[in-house]
Amino acid sequence: SSNIWINTNKLLDQNSSYYYEGVNGFKTGFHDDAGNCLIVTANINSREVFLIIMKSETDDNRYQDATTLLDSIYNYW
């Protein structure tokens, strides 16, 4: 049997403008107190990276923040 997984993380979606090569997971979320949140796992230059984005005002902001951090990490290593 096959399972179908639906993921709303735009960093994983190759058809999204936010797609980021090397990202391999993980979870989006929203809470009144924490705003738009995003947990990101990625493999950048053979290193496992974990990011947690909280308190983003919009859905787009959480992906923009994640991309900025991922770019910084990628350029550092």
PDB file of N, CA and C in Angstrom:
ATOM      1  N   SER A   1       0.836  -1.178   0.000  1.00  0.00           N
ATOM      2  CA  SER A   1       0.000   0.000   0.000  1.00  0.00           C
ATOM      3  C   SER A   1       0.882   1.243   0.000  1.00  0.00           C
ATOM      4  N   SER A   2       0.385   2.304  -0.581  1.00  0.00           N
ATOM      5  CA  SER A   2       1.160   3.541  -0.632  1.00  0.00           C
ATOM      6  C   SER A   2       0.468   4.619   0.191  1.00  0.00           C
ATOM      7  N   ASN A   3       1.270   5.451   0.802  1.00  0.00           N
ATOM      8  CA  ASN A   3       0.759   6.570   1.583  1.00  0.00           C
ATOM      9  C   ASN A   3       0.976   7.851   0.807  1.00  0.00           C
ATOM     10  N   ILE A   4       0.049   8.759   0.933  1.00  0.00           N
ATOM     11  CA  ILE A   4       0.184  10.078   0.331  1.00  0.00           C
ATOM     12  C   ILE A   4       0.334  11.081   1.464  1.00  0.00           C
ATOM     13  N   TRP A   5       1.430  11.815   1.423  1.00  0.00           N
ATOM     14  CA  TRP A   5       1.699  12.831   2.434  1.00  0.00           C
ATOM     15  C   TRP A   5       1.518  14.200   1.803  1.00  0.00           C
ATOM     16  N   ILE A   6       0.787  15.051   2.466  1.00  0.00           N
ATOM     17  CA  ILE A   6       0.598  16.424   1.997  1.00  0.00           C
ATOM     18  C   ILE A   6       1.367  17.334   2.939  1.00  0.00           C
ATOM     19  N   ASN A   7       2.222  18.165   2.375  1.00  0.00           N
ATOM     20  CA  ASN A   7       3.046  19.061   3.165  1.00  0.00           C
ATOM     21  C   ASN A   7       2.841  20.477   2.662  1.00  0.00           C
ATOM     22  N   THR A   8       2.626  21.410   3.583  1.00  0.00           N
ATOM     23  CA  THR A   8       2.399  22.802   3.203  1.00  0.00           C
ATOM     24  C   THR A   8       3.672  23.643   3.248  1.00  0.00           C
ATOM     25  N   ASN A   9       4.822  23.005   3.490  1.00  0.00           N
ATOM     26  CA  ASN A   9       6.095  23.710   3.536  1.00  0.00           C
ATOM     27  C   ASN A   9       6.523  24.047   2.113  1.00  0.00           C
ATOM     28  N   LYS A  10       6.429  25.328   1.749  1.00  0.00           N
ATOM     29  CA  LYS A  10       6.723  25.776   0.387  1.00  0.00           C
ATOM     30  C   LYS A  10       8.198  25.638   0.020  1.00  0.00           C
ATOM     31  N   LEU A  11       9.073  25.493   1.018  1.00  0.00           N
ATOM     32  CA  LEU A  11      10.488  25.296   0.732  1.00  0.00           C
ATOM     33  C   LEU A  11      10.739  23.931   0.096  1.00  0.00           C
ATOM     34  N   LEU A  12       9.804  23.004   0.272  1.00  0.00           N
ATOM     35  CA  LEU A  12       9.921  21.650  -0.283  1.00  0.00           C
ATOM     36  C   LEU A  12       9.270  21.501  -1.652  1.00  0.00           C
ATOM     37  N   ASP A  13       8.414  22.442  -2.002  1.00  0.00           N
ATOM     38  CA  ASP A  13       7.611  22.360  -3.227  1.00  0.00           C
ATOM     39  C   ASP A  13       8.396  22.909  -4.416  1.00  0.00           C
ATOM     40  N   GLN A  14       8.789  22.033  -5.332  1.00  0.00           N
ATOM     41  CA  GLN A  14       9.593  22.471  -6.482  1.00  0.00           C
ATOM     42  C   GLN A  14       8.848  23.446  -7.387  1.00  0.00           C
ATOM     43  N   ASN A  15       7.541  23.538  -7.249  1.00  0.00           N
ATOM     44  CA  ASN A  15       6.753  24.484  -8.053  1.00  0.00           C
ATOM     45  C   ASN A  15       6.554  25.826  -7.349  1.00  0.00           C
ATOM     46  N   SER A  16       7.086  25.950  -6.151  1.00  0.00           N
ATOM     47  CA  SER A  16       6.928  27.180  -5.370  1.00  0.00           C
ATOM     48  C   SER A  16       8.100  28.124  -5.610  1.00  0.00           C
ATOM     49  N   SER A  17       7.838  29.414  -5.565  1.00  0.00           N
ATOM     50  CA  SER A  17       8.920  30.398  -5.680  1.00  0.00           C
ATOM     51  C   SER A  17       9.829  30.349  -4.451  1.00  0.00           C
ATOM     52  N   TYR A  18       9.392  29.698  -3.374  1.00  0.00           N
ATOM     53  CA  TYR A  18      10.195  29.581  -2.158  1.00  0.00           C
ATOM     54  C   TYR A  18      10.986  28.276  -2.095  1.00  0.00           C
ATOM     55  N   TYR A  19      10.886  27.431  -3.114  1.00  0.00           N
ATOM     56  CA  TYR A  19      11.612  26.161  -3.103  1.00  0.00           C
ATOM     57  C   TYR A  19      13.086  26.422  -2.832  1.00  0.00           C
ATOM     58  N   TYR A  20      13.679  25.594  -1.950  1.00  0.00           N
ATOM     59  CA  TYR A  20      15.086  25.761  -1.589  1.00  0.00           C
ATOM     60  C   TYR A  20      15.763  24.406  -1.624  1.00  0.00           C
ATOM     61  N   GLU A  21      16.707  24.253  -2.543  1.00  0.00           N
ATOM     62  CA  GLU A  21      17.409  22.980  -2.681  1.00  0.00           C
ATOM     63  C   GLU A  21      18.179  22.662  -1.402  1.00  0.00           C
ATOM     64  N   GLY A  22      18.062  21.445  -0.947  1.00  0.00           N
ATOM     65  CA  GLY A  22      18.729  21.012   0.278  1.00  0.00           C
ATOM     66  C   GLY A  22      17.779  20.895   1.447  1.00  0.00           C
ATOM     67  N   VAL A  23      16.649  21.603   1.389  1.00  0.00           N
ATOM     68  CA  VAL A  23      15.658  21.486   2.454  1.00  0.00           C
ATOM     69  C   VAL A  23      15.001  20.118   2.338  1.00  0.00           C
ATOM     70  N   ASN A  24      14.902  19.413   3.465  1.00  0.00           N
ATOM     71  CA  ASN A  24      14.293  18.096   3.441  1.00  0.00           C
ATOM     72  C   ASN A  24      13.127  17.942   4.415  1.00  0.00           C
ATOM     73  N   GLY A  25      12.710  19.010   5.060  1.00  0.00           N
ATOM     74  CA  GLY A  25      11.547  18.957   5.940  1.00  0.00           C
ATOM     75  C   GLY A  25      11.354  20.296   6.619  1.00  0.00           C
ATOM     76  N   PHE A  26      10.331  20.625   7.342  1.00  0.00           N
ATOM     77  CA  PHE A  26       9.720  19.741   8.262  1.00  0.00           C
ATOM     78  C   PHE A  26       8.282  20.153   8.564  1.00  0.00           C
ATOM     79  N   LYS A  27       7.999  21.286   9.202  1.00  0.00           N
ATOM     80  CA  LYS A  27       6.639  21.548   9.661  1.00  0.00           C
ATOM     81  C   LYS A  27       6.305  23.025   9.674  1.00  0.00           C
ATOM     82  N   THR A  28       5.109  23.338   9.171  1.00  0.00           N
ATOM     83  CA  THR A  28       4.558  24.692   9.293  1.00  0.00           C
ATOM     84  C   THR A  28       3.581  24.709  10.459  1.00  0.00           C
ATOM     85  N   GLY A  29       3.251  25.901  10.934  1.00  0.00           N
ATOM     86  CA  GLY A  29       2.280  25.992  12.010  1.00  0.00           C
ATOM     87  C   GLY A  29       1.838  27.422  12.236  1.00  0.00           C
ATOM     88  N   PHE A  30       0.765  27.551  13.002  1.00  0.00           N
ATOM     89  CA  PHE A  30       0.267  28.867  13.405  1.00  0.00           C
ATOM     90  C   PHE A  30      -0.346  28.748  14.781  1.00  0.00           C
ATOM     91  N   HIS A  31      -0.099  29.760  15.600  1.00  0.00           N
ATOM     92  CA  HIS A  31      -0.721  29.865  16.919  1.00  0.00           C
ATOM     93  C   HIS A  31      -0.916  31.343  17.198  1.00  0.00           C
ATOM     94  N   ASP A  32      -2.000  31.686  17.857  1.00  0.00           N
ATOM     95  CA  ASP A  32      -2.284  33.098  18.145  1.00  0.00           C
ATOM     96  C   ASP A  32      -1.103  33.796  18.829  1.00  0.00           C
ATOM     97  N   ASP A  33      -0.466  33.132  19.777  1.00  0.00           N
ATOM     98  CA  ASP A  33       0.646  33.743  20.510  1.00  0.00           C
ATOM     99  C   ASP A  33       1.963  33.724  19.720  1.00  0.00           C
ATOM    100  N   ALA A  34       2.161  32.709  18.900  1.00  0.00           N
ATOM    101  CA  ALA A  34       3.444  32.539  18.205  1.00  0.00           C
ATOM    102  C   ALA A  34       3.402  32.986  16.751  1.00  0.00           C
ATOM    103  N   GLY A  35       2.233  33.305  16.221  1.00  0.00           N
ATOM    104  CA  GLY A  35       2.115  33.724  14.829  1.00  0.00           C
ATOM    105  C   GLY A  35       2.412  32.592  13.866  1.00  0.00           C
ATOM    106  N   ASN A  36       2.829  32.944  12.664  1.00  0.00           N
ATOM    107  CA  ASN A  36       3.215  31.949  11.657  1.00  0.00           C
ATOM    108  C   ASN A  36       4.579  31.394  12.036  1.00  0.00           C
ATOM    109  N   CYS A  37       4.668  30.069  12.085  1.00  0.00           N
ATOM    110  CA  CYS A  37       5.895  29.401  12.500  1.00  0.00           C
ATOM    111  C   CYS A  37       6.343  28.428  11.419  1.00  0.00           C
ATOM    112  N   LEU A  38       7.608  28.061  11.491  1.00  0.00           N
ATOM    113  CA  LEU A  38       8.158  27.119  10.528  1.00  0.00           C
ATOM    114  C   LEU A  38       9.382  26.449  11.141  1.00  0.00           C
ATOM    115  N   ILE A  39       9.395  25.127  11.115  1.00  0.00           N
ATOM    116  CA  ILE A  39      10.586  24.373  11.473  1.00  0.00           C
ATOM    117  C   ILE A  39      11.153  23.847  10.168  1.00  0.00           C
ATOM    118  N   VAL A  40      12.435  24.070   9.944  1.00  0.00           N
ATOM    119  CA  VAL A  40      13.088  23.677   8.701  1.00  0.00           C
ATOM    120  C   VAL A  40      14.261  22.762   9.017  1.00  0.00           C
ATOM    121  N   THR A  41      14.365  21.672   8.287  1.00  0.00           N
ATOM    122  CA  THR A  41      15.561  20.842   8.317  1.00  0.00           C
ATOM    123  C   THR A  41      16.148  20.863   6.915  1.00  0.00           C
ATOM    124  N   ALA A  42      17.472  20.897   6.849  1.00  0.00           N
ATOM    125  CA  ALA A  42      18.129  20.974   5.543  1.00  0.00           C
ATOM    126  C   ALA A  42      19.508  20.350   5.627  1.00  0.00           C
ATOM    127  N   ASN A  43      20.017  19.974   4.481  1.00  0.00           N
ATOM    128  CA  ASN A  43      21.391  19.528   4.355  1.00  0.00           C
ATOM    129  C   ASN A  43      22.091  20.545   3.463  1.00  0.00           C
ATOM    130  N   ILE A  44      22.998  21.300   4.072  1.00  0.00           N
ATOM    131  CA  ILE A  44      23.726  22.336   3.343  1.00  0.00           C
ATOM    132  C   ILE A  44      25.211  22.029   3.459  1.00  0.00           C
ATOM    133  N   ASN A  45      25.850  21.816   2.315  1.00  0.00           N
ATOM    134  CA  ASN A  45      27.281  21.500   2.280  1.00  0.00           C
ATOM    135  C   ASN A  45      27.619  20.353   3.237  1.00  0.00           C
ATOM    136  N   SER A  46      26.816  19.295   3.184  1.00  0.00           N
ATOM    137  CA  SER A  46      27.005  18.075   3.993  1.00  0.00           C
ATOM    138  C   SER A  46      26.836  18.307   5.490  1.00  0.00           C
ATOM    139  N   ARG A  47      26.149  19.350   5.865  1.00  0.00           N
ATOM    140  CA  ARG A  47      25.848  19.621   7.282  1.00  0.00           C
ATOM    141  C   ARG A  47      24.341  19.661   7.463  1.00  0.00           C
ATOM    142  N   GLU A  48      23.869  19.030   8.543  1.00  0.00           N
ATOM    143  CA  GLU A  48      22.452  19.081   8.858  1.00  0.00           C
ATOM    144  C   GLU A  48      22.155  20.388   9.579  1.00  0.00           C
ATOM    145  N   VAL A  49      21.158  21.089   9.109  1.00  0.00           N
ATOM    146  CA  VAL A  49      20.794  22.397   9.642  1.00  0.00           C
ATOM    147  C   VAL A  49      19.346  22.341  10.132  1.00  0.00           C
ATOM    148  N   PHE A  50      19.086  22.979  11.269  1.00  0.00           N
ATOM    149  CA  PHE A  50      17.740  23.075  11.813  1.00  0.00           C
ATOM    150  C   PHE A  50      17.436  24.530  12.090  1.00  0.00           C
ATOM    151  N   LEU A  51      16.312  25.009  11.586  1.00  0.00           N
ATOM    152  CA  LEU A  51      15.881  26.387  11.829  1.00  0.00           C
ATOM    153  C   LEU A  51      14.490  26.364  12.452  1.00  0.00           C
ATOM    154  N   ILE A  52      14.245  27.302  13.333  1.00  0.00           N
ATOM    155  CA  ILE A  52      12.899  27.497  13.863  1.00  0.00           C
ATOM    156  C   ILE A  52      12.560  28.962  13.693  1.00  0.00           C
ATOM    157  N   ILE A  53      11.499  29.211  12.945  1.00  0.00           N
ATOM    158  CA  ILE A  53      11.013  30.565  12.694  1.00  0.00           C
ATOM    159  C   ILE A  53       9.717  30.728  13.484  1.00  0.00           C
ATOM    160  N   MET A  54       9.645  31.785  14.283  1.00  0.00           N
ATOM    161  CA  MET A  54       8.426  32.054  15.046  1.00  0.00           C
ATOM    162  C   MET A  54       8.066  33.524  14.935  1.00  0.00           C
ATOM    163  N   LYS A  55       6.795  33.793  15.130  1.00  0.00           N
ATOM    164  CA  LYS A  55       6.286  35.171  15.225  1.00  0.00           C
ATOM    165  C   LYS A  55       6.337  35.918  13.899  1.00  0.00           C
ATOM    166  N   SER A  56       6.319  35.206  12.771  1.00  0.00           N
ATOM    167  CA  SER A  56       6.244  35.890  11.483  1.00  0.00           C
ATOM    168  C   SER A  56       4.829  36.427  11.299  1.00  0.00           C
ATOM    169  N   GLU A  57       4.733  37.627  10.764  1.00  0.00           N
ATOM    170  CA  GLU A  57       3.421  38.255  10.612  1.00  0.00           C
ATOM    171  C   GLU A  57       2.575  37.601   9.532  1.00  0.00           C
ATOM    172  N   THR A  58       3.228  37.097   8.487  1.00  0.00           N
ATOM    173  CA  THR A  58       2.477  36.496   7.380  1.00  0.00           C
ATOM    174  C   THR A  58       3.103  35.159   6.985  1.00  0.00           C
ATOM    175  N   ASP A  59       2.347  34.399   6.211  1.00  0.00           N
ATOM    176  CA  ASP A  59       2.844  33.150   5.664  1.00  0.00           C
ATOM    177  C   ASP A  59       4.098  33.394   4.837  1.00  0.00           C
ATOM    178  N   ASP A  60       4.075  34.398   3.971  1.00  0.00           N
ATOM    179  CA  ASP A  60       5.231  34.709   3.134  1.00  0.00           C
ATOM    180  C   ASP A  60       6.448  35.105   3.966  1.00  0.00           C
ATOM    181  N   ASN A  61       6.237  35.868   5.047  1.00  0.00           N
ATOM    182  CA  ASN A  61       7.362  36.308   5.882  1.00  0.00           C
ATOM    183  C   ASN A  61       8.136  35.140   6.464  1.00  0.00           C
ATOM    184  N   ARG A  62       7.440  34.063   6.843  1.00  0.00           N
ATOM    185  CA  ARG A  62       8.172  32.937   7.430  1.00  0.00           C
ATOM    186  C   ARG A  62       9.102  32.286   6.406  1.00  0.00           C
ATOM    187  N   TYR A  63       8.687  32.241   5.149  1.00  0.00           N
ATOM    188  CA  TYR A  63       9.537  31.669   4.105  1.00  0.00           C
ATOM    189  C   TYR A  63      10.665  32.619   3.719  1.00  0.00           C
ATOM    190  N   GLN A  64      10.389  33.908   3.715  1.00  0.00           N
ATOM    191  CA  GLN A  64      11.428  34.894   3.430  1.00  0.00           C
ATOM    192  C   GLN A  64      12.498  34.865   4.522  1.00  0.00           C
ATOM    193  N   ASP A  65      12.069  34.793   5.783  1.00  0.00           N
ATOM    194  CA  ASP A  65      13.016  34.715   6.900  1.00  0.00           C
ATOM    195  C   ASP A  65      13.862  33.444   6.806  1.00  0.00           C
ATOM    196  N   ALA A  66      13.217  32.328   6.509  1.00  0.00           N
ATOM    197  CA  ALA A  66      13.932  31.055   6.402  1.00  0.00           C
ATOM    198  C   ALA A  66      14.945  31.101   5.258  1.00  0.00           C
ATOM    199  N   THR A  67      14.551  31.641   4.131  1.00  0.00           N
ATOM    200  CA  THR A  67      15.445  31.734   2.983  1.00  0.00           C
ATOM    201  C   THR A  67      16.650  32.613   3.288  1.00  0.00           C
ATOM    202  N   THR A  68      16.424  33.719   3.972  1.00  0.00           N
ATOM    203  CA  THR A  68      17.524  34.608   4.360  1.00  0.00           C
ATOM    204  C   THR A  68      18.515  33.871   5.260  1.00  0.00           C
ATOM    205  N   LEU A  69      18.007  33.137   6.246  1.00  0.00           N
ATOM    206  CA  LEU A  69      18.882  32.391   7.142  1.00  0.00           C
ATOM    207  C   LEU A  69      19.605  31.269   6.410  1.00  0.00           C
ATOM    208  N   LEU A  70      18.892  30.541   5.555  1.00  0.00           N
ATOM    209  CA  LEU A  70      19.517  29.459   4.796  1.00  0.00           C
ATOM    210  C   LEU A  70      20.618  29.993   3.877  1.00  0.00           C
ATOM    211  N   ASP A  71      20.364  31.125   3.232  1.00  0.00           N
ATOM    212  CA  ASP A  71      21.394  31.741   2.389  1.00  0.00           C
ATOM    213  C   ASP A  71      22.630  32.102   3.211  1.00  0.00           C
ATOM    214  N   SER A  72      22.415  32.645   4.404  1.00  0.00           N
ATOM    215  CA  SER A  72      23.532  33.021   5.273  1.00  0.00           C
ATOM    216  C   SER A  72      24.345  31.797   5.678  1.00  0.00           C
ATOM    217  N   ILE A  73      23.657  30.729   6.021  1.00  0.00           N
ATOM    218  CA  ILE A  73      24.339  29.490   6.411  1.00  0.00           C
ATOM    219  C   ILE A  73      25.095  28.918   5.217  1.00  0.00           C
ATOM    220  N   TYR A  74      24.459  28.891   4.074  1.00  0.00           N
ATOM    221  CA  TYR A  74      25.086  28.357   2.866  1.00  0.00           C
ATOM    222  C   TYR A  74      26.356  29.147   2.529  1.00  0.00           C
ATOM    223  N   ASN A  75      26.276  30.470   2.617  1.00  0.00           N
ATOM    224  CA  ASN A  75      27.420  31.316   2.292  1.00  0.00           C
ATOM    225  C   ASN A  75      28.532  31.227   3.345  1.00  0.00           C
ATOM    226  N   TYR A  76      28.167  30.924   4.593  1.00  0.00           N
ATOM    227  CA  TYR A  76      29.151  30.782   5.659  1.00  0.00           C
ATOM    228  C   TYR A  76      30.000  29.541   5.453  1.00  0.00           C
ATOM    229  N   TRP A  77      29.341  28.428   5.069  1.00  0.00           N
ATOM    230  CA  TRP A  77      30.063  27.174   4.870  1.00  0.00           C
ATOM    231  C   TRP A  77      30.458  27.043   3.444  1.00  0.00           C
TER     232      TRP A  77
END
